C-alpha atoms as a PDB file:
ATOM      1  CA  UNK A   1     107.881 113.085  61.568  1.00  0.00           C
ATOM      2  CA  UNK A   2     108.890 111.833  58.413  1.00  0.00           C
ATOM      3  CA  UNK A   3     106.753 111.806  55.167  1.00  0.00           C
ATOM      4  CA  UNK A   4     106.231 108.155  55.692  1.00  0.00           C
ATOM      5  CA  UNK A   5     105.156 108.244  59.019  1.00  0.00           C
ATOM      6  CA  UNK A   6     102.380 110.744  58.222  1.00  0.00           C
ATOM      7  CA  UNK A   7     101.519 109.149  55.028  1.00  0.00           C
ATOM      8  CA  UNK A   8     100.723 105.966  57.351  1.00  0.00           C
ATOM      9  CA  UNK A   9      98.692 107.461  59.714  1.00  0.00           C
ATOM     10  CA  UNK A  10      96.699 109.464  57.380  1.00  0.00           C
ATOM     11  CA  UNK A  11      96.090 105.946  55.093  1.00  0.00           C
ATOM     12  CA  UNK A  12      95.142 104.363  58.690  1.00  0.00           C
ATOM     13  CA  UNK A  13      92.681 107.376  59.093  1.00  0.00           C
ATOM     14  CA  UNK A  14      91.270 106.534  56.116  1.00  0.00           C
ATOM     15  CA  UNK A  15      90.661 103.090  56.695  1.00  0.00           C
ATOM     16  CA  UNK A  16      88.902 104.016  60.148  1.00  0.00           C
ATOM     17  CA  UNK A  17      86.470 105.918  57.961  1.00  0.00           C
ATOM     18  CA  UNK A  18      85.850 103.272  55.044  1.00  0.00           C
ATOM     19  CA  UNK A  19      85.536 100.763  57.885  1.00  0.00           C
ATOM     20  CA  UNK A  20      82.815 102.805  60.179  1.00  0.00           C
ATOM     21  CA  UNK A  21      81.498 103.730  56.841  1.00  0.00           C
ATOM     22  CA  UNK A  22      81.191  99.561  55.647  1.00  0.00           C
ATOM     23  CA  UNK A  23      79.355  98.764  58.933  1.00  0.00           C
ATOM     24  CA  UNK A  24      76.807 101.849  58.432  1.00  0.00           C
ATOM     25  CA  UNK A  25      75.632 100.125  55.128  1.00  0.00           C
ATOM     26  CA  UNK A  26      75.878  96.569  56.876  1.00  0.00           C
ATOM     27  CA  UNK A  27      72.215  95.477  56.667  1.00  0.00           C
ATOM     28  CA  UNK A  28      72.985  93.502  60.554  1.00  0.00           C
ATOM     29  CA  UNK A  29      72.621  96.446  62.615  1.00  0.00           C
ATOM     30  CA  UNK A  30      72.827  95.340  65.893  1.00  0.00           C
ATOM     31  CA  UNK A  31      76.341  93.486  65.085  1.00  0.00           C
ATOM     32  CA  UNK A  32      77.290  96.616  63.087  1.00  0.00           C
ATOM     33  CA  UNK A  33      76.660  99.094  65.861  1.00  0.00           C
ATOM     34  CA  UNK A  34      78.824  97.108  67.816  1.00  0.00           C
ATOM     35  CA  UNK A  35      81.233  97.107  65.602  1.00  0.00           C
ATOM     36  CA  UNK A  36      81.391 100.698  65.278  1.00  0.00           C
ATOM     37  CA  UNK A  37      82.028 101.352  68.802  1.00  0.00           C
ATOM     38  CA  UNK A  38      84.726  98.977  68.888  1.00  0.00           C
ATOM     39  CA  UNK A  39      86.696 100.845  65.699  1.00  0.00           C
ATOM     40  CA  UNK A  40      86.019 103.956  67.406  1.00  0.00           C
ATOM     41  CA  UNK A  41      87.708 102.561  70.547  1.00  0.00           C
ATOM     42  CA  UNK A  42      90.808 100.837  68.670  1.00  0.00           C
ATOM     43  CA  UNK A  43      92.120 102.960  65.945  1.00  0.00           C
ATOM     44  CA  UNK A  44      94.627 103.656  63.552  1.00  0.00           C
ATOM     45  CA  UNK A  45      97.230 106.456  64.510  1.00  0.00           C
ATOM     46  CA  UNK A  46      98.720 108.209  67.144  1.00  0.00           C
ATOM     47  CA  UNK A  47      99.858 105.842  70.539  1.00  0.00           C
ATOM     48  CA  UNK A  48      97.412 107.213  72.544  1.00  0.00           C
ATOM     49  CA  UNK A  49      94.993 104.955  74.781  1.00  0.00           C
ATOM     50  CA  UNK A  50      91.288 105.025  73.968  1.00  0.00           C
ATOM     51  CA  UNK A  51      89.466 107.648  75.704  1.00  0.00           C
ATOM     52  CA  UNK A  52      87.562 107.016  78.881  1.00  0.00           C
ATOM     53  CA  UNK A  53      84.309 107.467  76.777  1.00  0.00           C
ATOM     54  CA  UNK A  54      84.886 105.461  74.591  1.00  0.00           C
ATOM     55  CA  UNK A  55      86.320 102.395  77.146  1.00  0.00           C
ATOM     56  CA  UNK A  56      82.882 103.243  78.758  1.00  0.00           C
ATOM     57  CA  UNK A  57      80.840 102.376  75.350  1.00  0.00           C
ATOM     58  CA  UNK A  58      83.062  99.259  74.945  1.00  0.00           C
ATOM     59  CA  UNK A  59      81.967  98.119  78.514  1.00  0.00           C
ATOM     60  CA  UNK A  60      78.603  99.595  78.287  1.00  0.00           C
ATOM     61  CA  UNK A  61      77.900  96.396  75.603  1.00  0.00           C
ATOM     62  CA  UNK A  62      78.446  94.044  78.562  1.00  0.00           C
ATOM     63  CA  UNK A  63      75.110  95.040  80.234  1.00  0.00           C
ATOM     64  CA  UNK A  64      72.644  94.293  77.636  1.00  0.00           C
ATOM     65  CA  UNK A  65      72.095  90.274  76.484  1.00  0.00           C
ATOM     66  CA  UNK A  66      74.713  87.587  76.311  1.00  0.00           C
ATOM     67  CA  UNK A  67      74.635  87.663  72.852  1.00  0.00           C
ATOM     68  CA  UNK A  68      75.786  90.887  72.562  1.00  0.00           C
ATOM     69  CA  UNK A  69      77.965  90.416  74.974  1.00  0.00           C
ATOM     70  CA  UNK A  70      79.390  87.692  72.932  1.00  0.00           C
ATOM     71  CA  UNK A  71      79.352  89.832  69.614  1.00  0.00           C
ATOM     72  CA  UNK A  72      81.468  92.828  71.403  1.00  0.00           C
ATOM     73  CA  UNK A  73      84.026  90.329  71.921  1.00  0.00           C
ATOM     74  CA  UNK A  74      84.263  88.661  68.781  1.00  0.00           C
ATOM     75  CA  UNK A  75      84.251  91.800  67.305  1.00  0.00           C
ATOM     76  CA  UNK A  76      87.276  92.513  69.552  1.00  0.00           C
ATOM     77  CA  UNK A  77      88.967  89.781  68.442  1.00  0.00           C
ATOM     78  CA  UNK A  78      88.562  90.038  64.979  1.00  0.00           C
ATOM     79  CA  UNK A  79      89.773  93.693  65.051  1.00  0.00           C
ATOM     80  CA  UNK A  80      92.959  92.472  67.191  1.00  0.00           C
ATOM     81  CA  UNK A  81      93.929  89.204  64.847  1.00  0.00           C
ATOM     82  CA  UNK A  82      92.861  91.171  61.681  1.00  0.00           C
ATOM     83  CA  UNK A  83      95.251  94.035  62.221  1.00  0.00           C
ATOM     84  CA  UNK A  84      99.120  94.166  61.267  1.00  0.00           C
ATOM     85  CA  UNK A  85      99.192  97.700  62.928  1.00  0.00           C
ATOM     86  CA  UNK A  86     101.046  98.050  66.342  1.00  0.00           C
ATOM     87  CA  UNK A  87      98.893 100.754  67.960  1.00  0.00           C
ATOM     88  CA  UNK A  88      95.745  99.082  67.040  1.00  0.00           C
ATOM     89  CA  UNK A  89      96.810  95.875  68.679  1.00  0.00           C
ATOM     90  CA  UNK A  90      97.895  97.801  71.760  1.00  0.00           C
ATOM     91  CA  UNK A  91      94.732  99.504  72.018  1.00  0.00           C
ATOM     92  CA  UNK A  92      92.834  96.338  71.428  1.00  0.00           C
ATOM     93  CA  UNK A  93      95.034  94.543  74.309  1.00  0.00           C
ATOM     94  CA  UNK A  94      94.253  97.719  77.033  1.00  0.00           C
ATOM     95  CA  UNK A  95      90.390  97.393  76.145  1.00  0.00           C
ATOM     96  CA  UNK A  96      90.641  93.498  77.138  1.00  0.00           C
ATOM     97  CA  UNK A  97      92.342  94.607  80.252  1.00  0.00           C
ATOM     98  CA  UNK A  98      89.917  97.184  80.880  1.00  0.00           C
ATOM     99  CA  UNK A  99      86.976  94.613  80.308  1.00  0.00           C
ATOM    100  CA  UNK A 100      88.917  91.832  82.835  1.00  0.00           C
ATOM    101  CA  UNK A 101      89.465  94.758  85.359  1.00  0.00           C
ATOM    102  CA  UNK A 102      85.789  96.652  85.021  1.00  0.00           C
ATOM    103  CA  UNK A 103      83.137  94.784  83.006  1.00  0.00           C
ATOM    104  CA  UNK A 104      80.236  92.847  83.732  1.00  0.00           C
ATOM    105  CA  UNK A 105      79.834  89.230  84.638  1.00  0.00           C
ATOM    106  CA  UNK A 106      78.426  88.538  81.390  1.00  0.00           C
ATOM    107  CA  UNK A 107      81.347  90.408  79.564  1.00  0.00           C
ATOM    108  CA  UNK A 108      83.968  89.081  81.593  1.00  0.00           C
ATOM    109  CA  UNK A 109      82.871  85.320  81.265  1.00  0.00           C
ATOM    110  CA  UNK A 110      82.919  85.640  77.576  1.00  0.00           C
ATOM    111  CA  UNK A 111      85.975  87.099  77.476  1.00  0.00           C
ATOM    112  CA  UNK A 112      87.309  83.928  80.247  1.00  0.00           C
ATOM    113  CA  UNK A 113      85.355  80.932  77.625  1.00  0.00           C
ATOM    114  CA  UNK A 114      87.107  82.698  74.624  1.00  0.00           C
ATOM    115  CA  UNK A 115      90.247  80.421  74.747  1.00  0.00           C
ATOM    116  CA  UNK A 116      87.838  77.839  73.727  1.00  0.00           C
ATOM    117  CA  UNK A 117      88.389  78.733  70.306  1.00  0.00           C
ATOM    118  CA  UNK A 118      92.402  79.083  70.030  1.00  0.00           C
ATOM    119  CA  UNK A 119      93.740  77.178  72.641  1.00  0.00           C
ATOM    120  CA  UNK A 120      95.922  78.289  75.797  1.00  0.00           C
ATOM    121  CA  UNK A 121      97.453  80.886  74.021  1.00  0.00           C
ATOM    122  CA  UNK A 122      94.098  82.454  72.868  1.00  0.00           C
ATOM    123  CA  UNK A 123      95.256  85.808  71.987  1.00  0.00           C
ATOM    124  CA  UNK A 124      97.306  84.605  69.254  1.00  0.00           C
ATOM    125  CA  UNK A 125     100.071  87.003  69.453  1.00  0.00           C
ATOM    126  CA  UNK A 126     103.425  85.519  69.795  1.00  0.00           C
ATOM    127  CA  UNK A 127     104.615  85.833  66.204  1.00  0.00           C
ATOM    128  CA  UNK A 128     102.623  89.725  65.778  1.00  0.00           C
ATOM    129  CA  UNK A 129     105.271  92.095  64.002  1.00  0.00           C
ATOM    130  CA  UNK A 130     104.975  95.951  62.541  1.00  0.00           C
ATOM    131  CA  UNK A 131     107.772  96.392  60.640  1.00  0.00           C
ATOM    132  CA  UNK A 132     106.596  99.992  58.867  1.00  0.00           C
ATOM    133  CA  UNK A 133     109.635 101.242  61.137  1.00  0.00           C
ATOM    134  CA  UNK A 134     112.235 100.997  63.677  1.00  0.00           C
ATOM    135  CA  UNK A 135     109.148 101.970  66.494  1.00  0.00           C
ATOM    136  CA  UNK A 136     106.367 100.313  65.434  1.00  0.00           C
ATOM    137  CA  UNK A 137     108.867  97.167  65.316  1.00  0.00           C
ATOM    138  CA  UNK A 138     109.445  98.188  69.159  1.00  0.00           C
ATOM    139  CA  UNK A 139     106.070  98.633  69.620  1.00  0.00           C
ATOM    140  CA  UNK A 140     105.357  95.068  68.574  1.00  0.00           C
ATOM    141  CA  UNK A 141     107.725  93.589  71.581  1.00  0.00           C
ATOM    142  CA  UNK A 142     104.999  95.904  74.125  1.00  0.00           C
ATOM    143  CA  UNK A 143     101.972  94.365  71.986  1.00  0.00           C
ATOM    144  CA  UNK A 144     103.410  90.669  72.189  1.00  0.00           C
ATOM    145  CA  UNK A 145     104.700  91.262  76.485  1.00  0.00           C
ATOM    146  CA  UNK A 146     101.173  92.696  76.853  1.00  0.00           C
ATOM    147  CA  UNK A 147      99.299  89.900  75.438  1.00  0.00           C
ATOM    148  CA  UNK A 148     101.758  87.679  77.681  1.00  0.00           C
ATOM    149  CA  UNK A 149     100.704  89.449  80.726  1.00  0.00           C
ATOM    150  CA  UNK A 150      97.012  89.359  79.766  1.00  0.00           C
ATOM    151  CA  UNK A 151      96.788  85.479  79.068  1.00  0.00           C
ATOM    152  CA  UNK A 152      98.911  84.890  82.516  1.00  0.00           C
ATOM    153  CA  UNK A 153      96.219  87.072  84.414  1.00  0.00           C
ATOM    154  CA  UNK A 154      93.265  85.310  82.991  1.00  0.00           C
ATOM    155  CA  UNK A 155      95.143  81.867  83.760  1.00  0.00           C
ATOM    156  CA  UNK A 156      95.967  83.382  87.817  1.00  0.00           C
ATOM    157  CA  UNK A 157      92.027  84.315  87.756  1.00  0.00           C
ATOM    158  CA  UNK A 158      90.560  80.527  86.791  1.00  0.00           C
ATOM    159  CA  UNK A 159      93.188  79.100  89.101  1.00  0.00           C
ATOM    160  CA  UNK A 160      91.887  81.033  91.904  1.00  0.00           C
ATOM    161  CA  UNK A 161      88.621  80.762  91.191  1.00  0.00           C
ATOM    162  CA  UNK A 162      88.193  84.739  91.323  1.00  0.00           C
ATOM    163  CA  UNK A 163      89.183  87.768  89.559  1.00  0.00           C
ATOM    164  CA  UNK A 164      92.527  90.130  90.952  1.00  0.00           C
ATOM    165  CA  UNK A 165      90.362  93.138  91.080  1.00  0.00           C
ATOM    166  CA  UNK A 166      87.257  91.436  92.614  1.00  0.00           C
ATOM    167  CA  UNK A 167      85.551  92.085  95.945  1.00  0.00           C
ATOM    168  CA  UNK A 168      86.862  88.517  96.920  1.00  0.00           C
ATOM    169  CA  UNK A 169      89.948  89.118  95.747  1.00  0.00           C
ATOM    170  CA  UNK A 170      89.898  92.308  97.978  1.00  0.00           C
ATOM    171  CA  UNK A 171      88.431  90.283 100.990  1.00  0.00           C
ATOM    172  CA  UNK A 172      91.626  89.139 102.887  1.00  0.00           C
ATOM    173  CA  UNK A 173      89.983  87.432 105.688  1.00  0.00           C
ATOM    174  CA  UNK A 174      87.439  85.143 103.431  1.00  0.00           C
ATOM    175  CA  UNK A 175      90.716  84.535 101.683  1.00  0.00           C
ATOM    176  CA  UNK A 176      92.978  83.138 104.843  1.00  0.00           C
ATOM    177  CA  UNK A 177      90.018  81.162 105.506  1.00  0.00           C
ATOM    178  CA  UNK A 178      89.520  79.633 102.378  1.00  0.00           C
ATOM    179  CA  UNK A 179      93.683  79.066 101.931  1.00  0.00           C
ATOM    180  CA  UNK A 180      93.425  77.242 105.074  1.00  0.00           C
ATOM    181  CA  UNK A 181      91.406  74.075 103.924  1.00  0.00           C
ATOM    182  CA  UNK A 182      93.961  73.853 100.657  1.00  0.00           C
ATOM    183  CA  UNK A 183      96.434  70.630 100.427  1.00  0.00           C
ATOM    184  CA  UNK A 184      99.783  72.026 100.262  1.00  0.00           C
ATOM    185  CA  UNK A 185      99.593  70.758  96.622  1.00  0.00           C
ATOM    186  CA  UNK A 186      97.037  72.973  95.609  1.00  0.00           C
ATOM    187  CA  UNK A 187      98.987  76.021  97.273  1.00  0.00           C
ATOM    188  CA  UNK A 188     102.221  74.896  95.365  1.00  0.00           C
ATOM    189  CA  UNK A 189     100.405  75.205  92.449  1.00  0.00           C
ATOM    190  CA  UNK A 190      98.858  78.115  92.756  1.00  0.00           C
ATOM    191  CA  UNK A 191     102.231  79.696  94.045  1.00  0.00           C
ATOM    192  CA  UNK A 192     103.582  78.364  90.777  1.00  0.00           C
ATOM    193  CA  UNK A 193     101.221  80.326  88.628  1.00  0.00           C
ATOM    194  CA  UNK A 194     101.627  83.659  90.349  1.00  0.00           C
ATOM    195  CA  UNK A 195     105.533  83.512  89.509  1.00  0.00           C
ATOM    196  CA  UNK A 196     104.798  82.755  85.818  1.00  0.00           C
ATOM    197  CA  UNK A 197     102.750  86.042  86.082  1.00  0.00           C
ATOM    198  CA  UNK A 198     105.819  88.103  87.764  1.00  0.00           C
ATOM    199  CA  UNK A 199     107.636  86.225  85.356  1.00  0.00           C
ATOM    200  CA  UNK A 200     106.097  87.600  82.485  1.00  0.00           C
ATOM    201  CA  UNK A 201     105.839  91.191  83.924  1.00  0.00           C
ATOM    202  CA  UNK A 202     109.564  91.156  84.752  1.00  0.00           C
ATOM    203  CA  UNK A 203     109.990  89.980  80.739  1.00  0.00           C
ATOM    204  CA  UNK A 204     109.160  93.404  79.608  1.00  0.00           C
ATOM    205  CA  UNK A 205     110.870  94.674  76.221  1.00  0.00           C
ATOM    206  CA  UNK A 206     114.438  96.475  77.110  1.00  0.00           C
ATOM    207  CA  UNK A 207     112.730  99.824  74.823  1.00  0.00           C
ATOM    208  CA  UNK A 208     111.411 100.934  78.449  1.00  0.00           C
ATOM    209  CA  UNK A 209     111.948 104.585  76.913  1.00  0.00           C
ATOM    210  CA  UNK A 210     108.566 104.062  75.102  1.00  0.00           C
ATOM    211  CA  UNK A 211     106.791 104.344  78.014  1.00  0.00           C
ATOM    212  CA  UNK A 212     107.186 108.274  77.172  1.00  0.00           C
ATOM    213  CA  UNK A 213     104.200 107.004  74.742  1.00  0.00           C
ATOM    214  CA  UNK A 214     101.135 107.279  76.467  1.00  0.00           C
ATOM    215  CA  UNK A 215      99.562 104.192  75.684  1.00  0.00           C
ATOM    216  CA  UNK A 216     102.699 102.593  76.770  1.00  0.00           C
ATOM    217  CA  UNK A 217     102.594 104.418  80.060  1.00  0.00           C
ATOM    218  CA  UNK A 218      99.072 103.382  81.201  1.00  0.00           C
ATOM    219  CA  UNK A 219      99.615  99.800  79.987  1.00  0.00           C
ATOM    220  CA  UNK A 220     102.406  99.581  82.377  1.00  0.00           C
ATOM    221  CA  UNK A 221     100.646 101.451  85.158  1.00  0.00           C
ATOM    222  CA  UNK A 222      97.471  99.154  84.684  1.00  0.00           C
ATOM    223  CA  UNK A 223     100.059  95.996  84.806  1.00  0.00           C
ATOM    224  CA  UNK A 224     101.587  97.560  88.125  1.00  0.00           C
ATOM    225  CA  UNK A 225      98.404  97.409  89.814  1.00  0.00           C
ATOM    226  CA  UNK A 226      97.395  93.766  88.798  1.00  0.00           C
ATOM    227  CA  UNK A 227     101.488  92.861  90.014  1.00  0.00           C
ATOM    228  CA  UNK A 228     100.680  94.791  93.480  1.00  0.00           C
ATOM    229  CA  UNK A 229      97.453  92.457  94.031  1.00  0.00           C
ATOM    230  CA  UNK A 230      99.418  89.405  92.639  1.00  0.00           C
ATOM    231  CA  UNK A 231     102.251  90.373  95.559  1.00  0.00           C
ATOM    232  CA  UNK A 232      99.517  89.864  98.002  1.00  0.00           C
ATOM    233  CA  UNK A 233      98.463  86.673  96.771  1.00  0.00           C
ATOM    234  CA  UNK A 234     101.598  85.464  97.190  1.00  0.00           C
ATOM    235  CA  UNK A 235     102.457  86.872 100.649  1.00  0.00           C
ATOM    236  CA  UNK A 236      99.268  85.011 101.760  1.00  0.00           C
ATOM    237  CA  UNK A 237     100.350  81.577 100.420  1.00  0.00           C
ATOM    238  CA  UNK A 238     104.025  82.055 101.325  1.00  0.00           C
ATOM    239  CA  UNK A 239     103.237  82.698 104.955  1.00  0.00           C
ATOM    240  CA  UNK A 240     100.845  79.623 105.034  1.00  0.00           C
ATOM    241  CA  UNK A 241     103.258  77.258 103.774  1.00  0.00           C
ATOM    242  CA  UNK A 242     106.164  78.572 106.262  1.00  0.00           C
ATOM    243  CA  UNK A 243     103.375  77.773 108.922  1.00  0.00           C
ATOM    244  CA  UNK A 244     103.124  74.496 107.757  1.00  0.00           C
ATOM    245  CA  UNK A 245     106.838  73.661 106.779  1.00  0.00           C
ATOM    246  CA  UNK A 246     106.933  70.420 109.099  1.00  0.00           C
ATOM    247  CA  UNK A 247     103.990  69.122 106.741  1.00  0.00           C
ATOM    248  CA  UNK A 248     105.786  69.471 103.613  1.00  0.00           C
ATOM    249  CA  UNK A 249     107.190  66.553 102.247  1.00  0.00           C
ATOM    250  CA  UNK A 250     111.192  66.328 100.654  1.00  0.00           C
ATOM    251  CA  UNK A 251     109.497  67.070  96.979  1.00  0.00           C
ATOM    252  CA  UNK A 252     106.994  69.486  98.170  1.00  0.00           C
ATOM    253  CA  UNK A 253     109.741  71.518  99.926  1.00  0.00           C
ATOM    254  CA  UNK A 254     112.156  71.431  96.688  1.00  0.00           C
ATOM    255  CA  UNK A 255     108.767  72.631  94.511  1.00  0.00           C
ATOM    256  CA  UNK A 256     108.267  75.496  97.010  1.00  0.00           C
ATOM    257  CA  UNK A 257     111.968  76.537  97.157  1.00  0.00           C
ATOM    258  CA  UNK A 258     112.051  76.278  93.318  1.00  0.00           C
ATOM    259  CA  UNK A 259     109.092  78.606  93.347  1.00  0.00           C
ATOM    260  CA  UNK A 260     110.563  81.301  95.504  1.00  0.00           C
ATOM    261  CA  UNK A 261     114.029  80.980  93.509  1.00  0.00           C
ATOM    262  CA  UNK A 262     112.423  82.343  90.046  1.00  0.00           C
ATOM    263  CA  UNK A 263     110.450  84.850  91.861  1.00  0.00           C
ATOM    264  CA  UNK A 264     113.434  86.013  93.576  1.00  0.00           C
ATOM    265  CA  UNK A 265     114.947  86.018  89.905  1.00  0.00           C
ATOM    266  CA  UNK A 266     112.342  87.941  88.530  1.00  0.00           C
ATOM    267  CA  UNK A 267     113.318  90.930  91.536  1.00  0.00           C
ATOM    268  CA  UNK A 268     115.764  93.313  89.105  1.00  0.00           C
ATOM    269  CA  UNK A 269     114.043  92.789  86.010  1.00  0.00           C
ATOM    270  CA  UNK A 270     110.512  93.937  87.490  1.00  0.00           C
ATOM    271  CA  UNK A 271     112.358  96.853  89.420  1.00  0.00           C
ATOM    272  CA  UNK A 272     113.572  98.211  85.854  1.00  0.00           C
ATOM    273  CA  UNK A 273     110.384  98.330  84.768  1.00  0.00           C
ATOM    274  CA  UNK A 274     108.315  99.356  87.959  1.00  0.00           C
ATOM    275  CA  UNK A 275     111.167 101.869  89.534  1.00  0.00           C
ATOM    276  CA  UNK A 276     109.962 102.526  93.057  1.00  0.00           C
ATOM    277  CA  UNK A 277     106.688 100.906  92.325  1.00  0.00           C
ATOM    278  CA  UNK A 278     105.150  97.546  94.086  1.00  0.00           C
ATOM    279  CA  UNK A 279     108.530  97.464  95.832  1.00  0.00           C
ATOM    280  CA  UNK A 280     106.918  95.380  99.165  1.00  0.00           C
ATOM    281  CA  UNK A 281     110.265  94.893 101.096  1.00  0.00           C
ATOM    282  CA  UNK A 282     108.474  92.725 103.719  1.00  0.00           C
ATOM    283  CA  UNK A 283     107.436  90.443 101.141  1.00  0.00           C
ATOM    284  CA  UNK A 284     110.999  89.811  99.934  1.00  0.00           C
ATOM    285  CA  UNK A 285     112.232  89.651 103.276  1.00  0.00           C
ATOM    286  CA  UNK A 286     109.896  87.343 104.449  1.00  0.00           C
ATOM    287  CA  UNK A 287     110.112  84.819 101.492  1.00  0.00           C
ATOM    288  CA  UNK A 288     114.152  85.329 102.096  1.00  0.00           C
ATOM    289  CA  UNK A 289     113.532  84.090 105.934  1.00  0.00           C
ATOM    290  CA  UNK A 290     111.125  81.477 104.248  1.00  0.00           C
ATOM    291  CA  UNK A 291     114.478  80.467 101.781  1.00  0.00           C
ATOM    292  CA  UNK A 292     116.331  80.006 104.884  1.00  0.00           C
ATOM    293  CA  UNK A 293     114.325  77.725 106.307  1.00  0.00           C
ATOM    294  CA  UNK A 294     113.515  75.603 103.545  1.00  0.00           C
ATOM    295  CA  UNK A 295     116.980  74.881 103.140  1.00  0.00           C
ATOM    296  CA  UNK A 296     117.263  73.732 106.873  1.00  0.00           C
ATOM    297  CA  UNK A 297     113.917  71.468 106.789  1.00  0.00           C
ATOM    298  CA  UNK A 298     115.230  69.918 103.798  1.00  0.00           C
ATOM    299  CA  UNK A 299     118.664  69.367 105.109  1.00  0.00           C
ATOM    300  CA  UNK A 300     117.072  67.535 108.173  1.00  0.00           C
ATOM    301  CA  UNK A 301     114.792  65.797 106.314  1.00  0.00           C
ATOM    302  CA  UNK A 302     117.405  64.624 104.155  1.00  0.00           C
ATOM    303  CA  UNK A 303     119.430  63.628 106.941  1.00  0.00           C
ATOM    304  CA  UNK A 304     116.774  62.020 108.687  1.00  0.00           C
ATOM    305  CA  UNK A 305     116.286  60.050 105.474  1.00  0.00           C
ATOM    306  CA  UNK A 306     119.557  58.441 105.449  1.00  0.00           C
ATOM    307  CA  UNK A 307     119.267  57.780 109.285  1.00  0.00           C
ATOM    308  CA  UNK A 308     116.489  55.684 108.724  1.00  0.00           C
ATOM    309  CA  UNK A 309     118.011  54.279 105.353  1.00  0.00           C
ATOM    310  CA  UNK A 310     121.006  53.437 107.956  1.00  0.00           C
ATOM    311  CA  UNK A 311     118.930  51.696 110.807  1.00  0.00           C
ATOM    312  CA  UNK A 312     117.159  49.825 108.281  1.00  0.00           C
ATOM    313  CA  UNK A 313     120.401  48.287 106.891  1.00  0.00           C
ATOM    314  CA  UNK A 314     121.353  47.068 110.191  1.00  0.00           C
ATOM    315  CA  UNK A 315     118.117  45.622 110.736  1.00  0.00           C
ATOM    316  CA  UNK A 316     118.485  43.602 107.822  1.00  0.00           C
ATOM    317  CA  UNK A 317     121.547  42.848 108.583  1.00  0.00           C
ATOM    318  CA  UNK A 318     120.505  41.052 111.863  1.00  0.00           C
ATOM    319  CA  UNK A 319     117.429  39.900 110.417  1.00  0.00           C
ATOM    320  CA  UNK A 320     119.450  37.927 107.600  1.00  0.00           C
ATOM    321  CA  UNK A 321     121.752  36.309 110.053  1.00  0.00           C
ATOM    322  CA  UNK A 322     118.608  34.892 111.672  1.00  0.00           C
ATOM    323  CA  UNK A 323     117.252  33.845 108.745  1.00  0.00           C
ATOM    324  CA  UNK A 324     121.092  32.250 107.409  1.00  0.00           C
ATOM    325  CA  UNK A 325     120.837  29.368 110.394  1.00  0.00           C
ATOM    326  CA  UNK A 326     118.362  27.352 112.204  1.00  0.00           C
ATOM    327  CA  UNK A 327     118.529  24.681 115.000  1.00  0.00           C
ATOM    328  CA  UNK A 328     117.884  21.297 113.532  1.00  0.00           C
ATOM    329  CA  UNK A 329     115.434  18.482 115.359  1.00  0.00           C
ATOM    330  CA  UNK A 330     119.002  16.705 116.162  1.00  0.00           C
ATOM    331  CA  UNK A 331     120.193  19.777 117.626  1.00  0.00           C
ATOM    332  CA  UNK A 332     122.614  20.852 115.459  1.00  0.00           C
ATOM    333  CA  UNK A 333     122.751  24.141 113.439  1.00  0.00           C
ATOM    334  CA  UNK A 334     121.799  23.948 110.031  1.00  0.00           C
ATOM    335  CA  UNK A 335     121.767  26.709 106.676  1.00  0.00           C
ATOM    336  CA  UNK A 336     118.420  27.869 106.757  1.00  0.00           C
END
């Protein structure tokens, strides 16, 4: 480890201690105690995930009042947005991911409404850079990617009406009943958003070797679990739209085909990140067959439309001829 890196770690540790002392001296005891929990979970220093008991301490804040849950999310977002350290930022995102998966309804609710303060890109990390050295520069790309994953994950949950980790998400029977009641347009919209998530997974940084860092490895593991659930959601909707193929309009067939093509484009990129995890060959076979059926259906619809146009033209010609002449009272044909 180089001298500059050691110095940066020492300065980070001192900075954390200074922040903890500052909260201890604060007169706002309740908020200060919440800030201490966040500071201890998202520290400077090594690129290792927060310990289980640190994560548990953050999640426990959601079991109190709504005000406590709100203060927790506010403190976490402040920590995330006020740091220029890649390790701290990645830890904050990792905590957010755990809140989405394990947090109480109150805590997740506060997290879900937070975008109201910052728009769609509420994590606001698309420009995040830590240029302390080459490694932190590379880790910054993981921060930006991971923030995009969490934003897509929240958008998926908002559209589906349930969290991917919830009991509702695991009950395929109830979901199938719900999907049956959806309009074609609703299912196509949901597939689009689910494919957006898959596309973001496939946009992982090129520095895959950084998975040897335990924090990056844990991040990829959590994302892999999310992607497995997203695959199941896509599979259900592809199967249902496959059954409804005859009822799809030409434009809906086009939209469906485009979504499946986009998803297939992600396949190799996702495989590079997840290696042999979540291959789900049955899903890819289903998508291949569905695409072939869509192409046939679109061809039939197009040919049917052309036939209708041709028949319409012939009908118009006949109608037009009958309108050109009429039999006058004199018994002679006159131009109409």
